[in-house]
Amino acid sequence: MSVSDIVVEPVAVPAADGTADAVFYRWSDGTRPAVIFLPDGLGVRESQREMARRVATEGYNVLLPNIYYRTAREPFFDRKPDFGDETAKARFAELTSPLTPDAMERDGSAYVDYLVSRPEVSSRPMAVLGFCFTGAFALRTAAARPDAIGAVASFHGGGLFKDDASSPHAVLSRVKARLLFGHARDDRSMPSSAIAALDEALAAWGGQYEAETYNALHGWTVPDHVTYDKSEAERAFANLRTLLKETLT
């Protein structure tokens, strides 16, 4: 079989708070391990579809959900957002505010349950990938479904360590997955002090993980982002490929 045999299927995922529209990239032969691809904070769009499909070409069935299904469907912004603009900030807050920590865990569980129901998905562990805003979402999904999620990757994830009980790192005690963190340099959403604190928390957790700060700015893995860095993005994808191969196959 070749990558041309990947079927792109619009699907509806039942969730606790409604129905999430999603795209399922599935192979037409046999069963394959599943990957949940959580889009970055700008939501599902062409760049995210391209990235999700690329993961699928590595031999996985990939679910790309609309994480903002409670509020809107694509397009989520009426123009390319400039987060120095108050209108863009307000829209982002409108989209993200329903995604509380508990909501992320409920949604992550719904995505897992949907994939389990699909005959194309093998019984192997799943992976969940997060970018920017959804790095924390990916970690919370692994905490919600520790027996289903075997790998988590977060690239330029924001706010992964905070000084309060709602911090994403606080769920580590419930996580069994192997973790991969790719941080950005000079990232206001995840400064060096937070990276160091997360590293300490990971060491205390005692599970299997890798963490690295790339010589690139926040958003560097996303092709339509102004900070896209092709060389560092390819290196990140190579590390992701290794993670998925060693945990899902």
Protein backbone atom coordinates (compact mmCIF):
# COMPACT_ATOMS: atom_id res chain seq x y z
CA MET A 1 0.00 0.00 0.00
CA SER A 2 1.13 3.59 -0.58
CA VAL A 3 0.36 6.92 1.04
CA SER A 4 -2.21 7.46 -1.70
CA ASP A 5 -4.27 4.86 0.17
CA ILE A 6 -4.85 7.23 3.08
CA VAL A 7 -8.54 8.08 3.23
CA VAL A 8 -9.48 11.58 4.42
CA GLU A 9 -12.81 11.23 6.20
CA PRO A 10 -14.81 14.03 7.88
CA VAL A 11 -16.24 12.57 11.09
CA ALA A 12 -18.38 13.57 14.08
CA VAL A 13 -16.99 12.67 17.51
CA PRO A 14 -19.50 12.36 20.37
CA ALA A 15 -18.24 14.28 23.40
CA ALA A 16 -19.59 15.06 26.84
CA ASP A 17 -20.31 18.66 25.89
CA GLY A 18 -21.56 18.16 22.33
CA THR A 19 -20.28 16.78 19.07
CA ALA A 20 -16.80 17.61 17.80
CA ASP A 21 -16.30 17.82 14.07
CA ALA A 22 -13.01 16.25 13.04
CA VAL A 23 -10.99 14.82 10.17
CA PHE A 24 -9.84 11.21 10.30
CA TYR A 25 -6.81 10.26 8.20
CA ARG A 26 -7.00 6.48 7.94
CA TRP A 27 -5.24 3.81 6.00
CA SER A 28 -7.48 1.62 3.85
CA ASP A 29 -5.59 -1.59 4.69
CA GLY A 30 -5.77 -3.50 7.95
CA THR A 31 -5.39 -1.85 11.34
CA ARG A 32 -2.88 0.78 12.45
CA PRO A 33 -2.04 2.55 15.72
CA ALA A 34 -3.83 5.85 16.31
CA VAL A 35 -2.56 9.36 16.90
CA ILE A 36 -4.62 12.30 18.17
CA PHE A 37 -3.33 15.48 16.54
CA LEU A 38 -4.46 18.51 18.55
CA PRO A 39 -4.11 21.65 16.42
CA ASP A 40 -2.34 24.74 17.71
CA GLY A 41 -4.20 27.68 19.21
CA LEU A 42 -5.34 29.00 15.83
CA GLY A 43 -7.37 25.83 15.27
CA VAL A 44 -7.87 23.49 12.32
CA ARG A 45 -6.79 24.96 8.98
CA GLU A 46 -4.70 23.90 5.98
CA SER A 47 -1.35 23.89 7.78
CA GLN A 48 -2.74 21.63 10.50
CA ARG A 49 -4.31 19.29 7.95
CA GLU A 50 -0.96 19.05 6.16
CA MET A 51 0.86 18.29 9.40
CA ALA A 52 -1.69 15.68 10.50
CA ARG A 53 -1.58 13.97 7.12
CA ARG A 54 2.21 13.86 7.26
CA VAL A 55 2.00 12.01 10.57
CA ALA A 56 -0.45 9.59 8.96
CA THR A 57 2.00 8.84 6.15
CA GLU A 58 4.32 7.37 8.78
CA GLY A 59 1.84 4.52 9.16
CA TYR A 60 -0.75 5.81 11.65
CA ASN A 61 -4.46 6.58 11.67
CA VAL A 62 -4.69 10.22 12.75
CA LEU A 63 -7.62 12.12 14.25
CA LEU A 64 -7.57 15.91 13.84
CA PRO A 65 -10.42 17.34 15.96
CA ASN A 66 -11.89 20.80 16.10
CA ILE A 67 -10.92 21.59 19.67
CA TYR A 68 -13.20 24.65 19.57
CA TYR A 69 -16.37 22.73 18.67
CA ARG A 70 -18.28 24.30 21.58
CA THR A 71 -17.82 27.77 20.11
CA ALA A 72 -17.16 27.71 16.36
CA ARG A 73 -16.21 25.85 13.24
CA GLU A 74 -13.48 26.72 10.77
CA PRO A 75 -12.51 29.47 10.03
CA PHE A 76 -11.98 30.63 13.60
CA PHE A 77 -10.58 34.06 12.77
CA ASP A 78 -11.79 36.35 10.01
CA ARG A 79 -8.19 37.25 9.15
CA LYS A 80 -4.72 36.08 10.10
CA PRO A 81 -4.59 37.04 13.77
CA ASP A 82 -2.13 39.56 15.15
CA PHE A 83 -1.98 38.97 18.89
CA GLY A 84 -0.83 42.50 19.45
CA ASP A 85 -4.37 43.43 18.43
CA GLU A 86 -7.07 43.48 21.11
CA THR A 87 -9.69 42.02 18.76
CA ALA A 88 -7.54 38.95 18.09
CA LYS A 89 -6.84 38.54 21.81
CA ALA A 90 -10.54 38.72 22.60
CA ARG A 91 -11.38 36.14 19.93
CA PHE A 92 -8.69 33.79 21.20
CA ALA A 93 -10.06 34.11 24.73
CA GLU A 94 -13.57 33.41 23.45
CA LEU A 95 -12.37 30.22 21.76
CA THR A 96 -10.17 28.92 24.56
CA SER A 97 -12.10 29.85 27.70
CA PRO A 98 -14.45 26.80 27.51
CA LEU A 99 -11.41 24.53 27.43
CA THR A 100 -10.87 24.31 31.16
CA PRO A 101 -8.57 21.60 32.52
CA ASP A 102 -11.57 19.35 33.18
CA ALA A 103 -12.96 20.01 29.70
CA MET A 104 -9.64 19.04 28.15
CA GLU A 105 -9.71 15.73 30.00
CA ARG A 106 -13.31 15.07 28.96
CA ASP A 107 -12.57 15.90 25.34
CA GLY A 108 -9.35 13.89 25.30
CA SER A 109 -11.26 10.88 26.62
CA ALA A 110 -13.91 11.36 23.93
CA TYR A 111 -11.25 11.34 21.22
CA VAL A 112 -9.75 8.15 22.66
CA ASP A 113 -13.15 6.47 22.85
CA TYR A 114 -13.92 7.41 19.27
CA LEU A 115 -10.66 5.91 18.03
CA VAL A 116 -11.22 2.74 20.04
CA SER A 117 -14.58 2.38 18.26
CA ARG A 118 -13.00 2.52 14.81
CA PRO A 119 -12.22 -0.88 13.25
CA GLU A 120 -9.18 0.60 11.48
CA VAL A 121 -7.46 1.34 14.80
CA SER A 122 -5.25 -1.36 16.31
CA SER A 123 -5.16 -2.28 19.99
CA ARG A 124 -1.70 -0.74 20.36
CA PRO A 125 -1.23 2.31 22.62
CA MET A 126 -2.15 5.68 21.11
CA ALA A 127 -0.22 8.94 20.97
CA VAL A 128 -1.43 12.49 21.42
CA LEU A 129 0.36 15.50 19.94
CA GLY A 130 -0.03 19.12 21.04
CA PHE A 131 1.29 22.40 19.71
CA CYS A 132 1.40 25.77 21.49
CA PHE A 133 -1.88 26.01 23.44
CA THR A 134 -2.56 22.27 23.09
CA GLY A 135 0.68 21.04 24.64
CA ALA A 136 -1.11 21.13 28.00
CA PHE A 137 -4.19 19.54 26.40
CA ALA A 138 -2.06 16.59 25.22
CA LEU A 139 -0.62 16.08 28.70
CA ARG A 140 -4.06 16.21 30.30
CA THR A 141 -5.36 13.65 27.80
CA ALA A 142 -2.60 11.25 28.82
CA ALA A 143 -3.54 11.80 32.47
CA ALA A 144 -7.22 11.17 31.78
CA ARG A 145 -6.55 7.94 29.87
CA PRO A 146 -3.23 6.58 31.13
CA ASP A 147 -3.87 3.02 29.96
CA ALA A 148 -4.64 4.12 26.39
CA ILE A 149 -2.00 6.80 25.75
CA GLY A 150 1.53 5.51 25.27
CA ALA A 151 3.19 8.67 23.99
CA VAL A 152 2.78 12.44 24.23
CA ALA A 153 4.61 15.09 22.24
CA SER A 154 4.37 18.80 22.95
CA PHE A 155 6.08 21.33 20.68
CA HIS A 156 6.39 24.95 21.83
CA GLY A 157 3.75 24.21 24.44
CA GLY A 158 2.74 27.18 26.55
CA GLY A 159 2.02 27.37 30.26
CA LEU A 160 3.13 23.82 31.03
CA PHE A 161 4.37 24.83 34.47
CA LYS A 162 2.53 27.31 36.67
CA ASP A 163 2.69 28.13 40.37
CA ASP A 164 -0.81 26.93 41.17
CA ALA A 165 -2.80 23.74 41.51
CA SER A 166 -4.22 24.02 37.99
CA SER A 167 -0.79 23.72 36.38
CA PRO A 168 -0.61 21.05 33.65
CA HIS A 169 2.50 19.52 35.25
CA ALA A 170 0.38 18.63 38.29
CA VAL A 171 -1.20 15.75 36.34
CA LEU A 172 2.12 13.94 35.87
CA SER A 173 1.38 11.49 38.69
CA ARG A 174 -1.46 10.06 36.57
CA VAL A 175 0.55 9.81 33.34
CA LYS A 176 2.10 6.54 32.15
CA ALA A 177 3.08 7.68 28.65
CA ARG A 178 6.54 8.46 27.35
CA LEU A 179 6.82 12.23 26.98
CA LEU A 180 8.59 14.46 24.47
CA PHE A 181 8.84 18.20 25.05
CA GLY A 182 10.25 20.52 22.41
CA HIS A 183 10.51 24.02 23.86
CA ALA A 184 11.12 27.27 22.01
CA ARG A 185 13.76 29.79 22.99
CA ASP A 186 12.71 33.21 24.26
CA ASP A 187 9.11 32.00 24.63
CA ARG A 188 6.94 34.27 26.76
CA SER A 189 4.41 31.46 27.16
CA MET A 190 7.10 29.10 28.50
CA PRO A 191 10.13 31.10 29.75
CA SER A 192 13.41 29.48 30.76
CA SER A 193 12.44 29.56 34.45
CA ALA A 194 9.28 27.55 33.69
CA ILE A 195 11.25 25.11 31.53
CA ALA A 196 13.69 24.54 34.40
CA ALA A 197 10.84 24.01 36.85
CA LEU A 198 9.16 21.55 34.48
CA ASP A 199 12.46 19.66 34.12
CA GLU A 200 12.61 19.31 37.90
CA ALA A 201 9.03 18.07 38.02
CA LEU A 202 9.73 15.54 35.27
CA ALA A 203 12.80 14.21 37.06
CA ALA A 204 10.77 13.83 40.27
CA TRP A 205 7.97 12.10 38.33
CA GLY A 206 10.34 9.31 37.33
CA GLY A 207 8.75 8.35 34.02
CA GLN A 208 10.39 8.23 30.60
CA TYR A 209 10.76 11.62 28.95
CA GLU A 210 12.88 13.80 26.71
CA ALA A 211 12.98 17.59 26.81
CA GLU A 212 14.93 20.00 24.63
CA THR A 213 14.92 23.70 23.88
CA TYR A 214 15.22 24.25 20.13
CA ASN A 215 17.05 27.19 18.64
CA ALA A 216 13.79 28.53 17.26
CA LEU A 217 10.93 30.80 18.29
CA HIS A 218 7.44 29.91 19.48
CA GLY A 219 5.46 28.33 16.63
CA TRP A 220 8.49 27.15 14.68
CA THR A 221 7.00 23.78 13.65
CA VAL A 222 3.91 25.25 11.93
CA PRO A 223 4.35 26.06 8.23
CA ASP A 224 1.98 29.05 8.16
CA HIS A 225 3.45 30.66 11.26
CA VAL A 226 5.68 33.70 10.87
CA THR A 227 8.35 31.99 13.01
CA TYR A 228 8.39 28.74 11.01
CA ASP A 229 11.91 27.33 10.90
CA LYS A 230 12.12 24.52 8.36
CA SER A 231 15.41 23.08 9.59
CA GLU A 232 14.34 22.94 13.23
CA ALA A 233 10.85 21.78 12.24
CA GLU A 234 12.34 18.85 10.35
CA ARG A 235 14.50 17.97 13.35
CA ALA A 236 11.43 18.08 15.57
CA PHE A 237 9.56 15.80 13.17
CA ALA A 238 12.47 13.34 13.16
CA ASN A 239 12.32 13.19 16.96
CA LEU A 240 8.56 12.71 16.79
CA ARG A 241 8.98 9.92 14.26
CA THR A 242 11.35 8.12 16.64
CA LEU A 243 8.98 8.55 19.57
CA LEU A 244 6.03 7.11 17.66
CA LYS A 245 8.02 4.21 16.23
CA GLU A 246 9.37 3.21 19.63
CA THR A 247 6.10 3.50 21.52
CA LEU A 248 3.29 2.60 19.11
CA THR A 249 4.70 -0.12 16.85
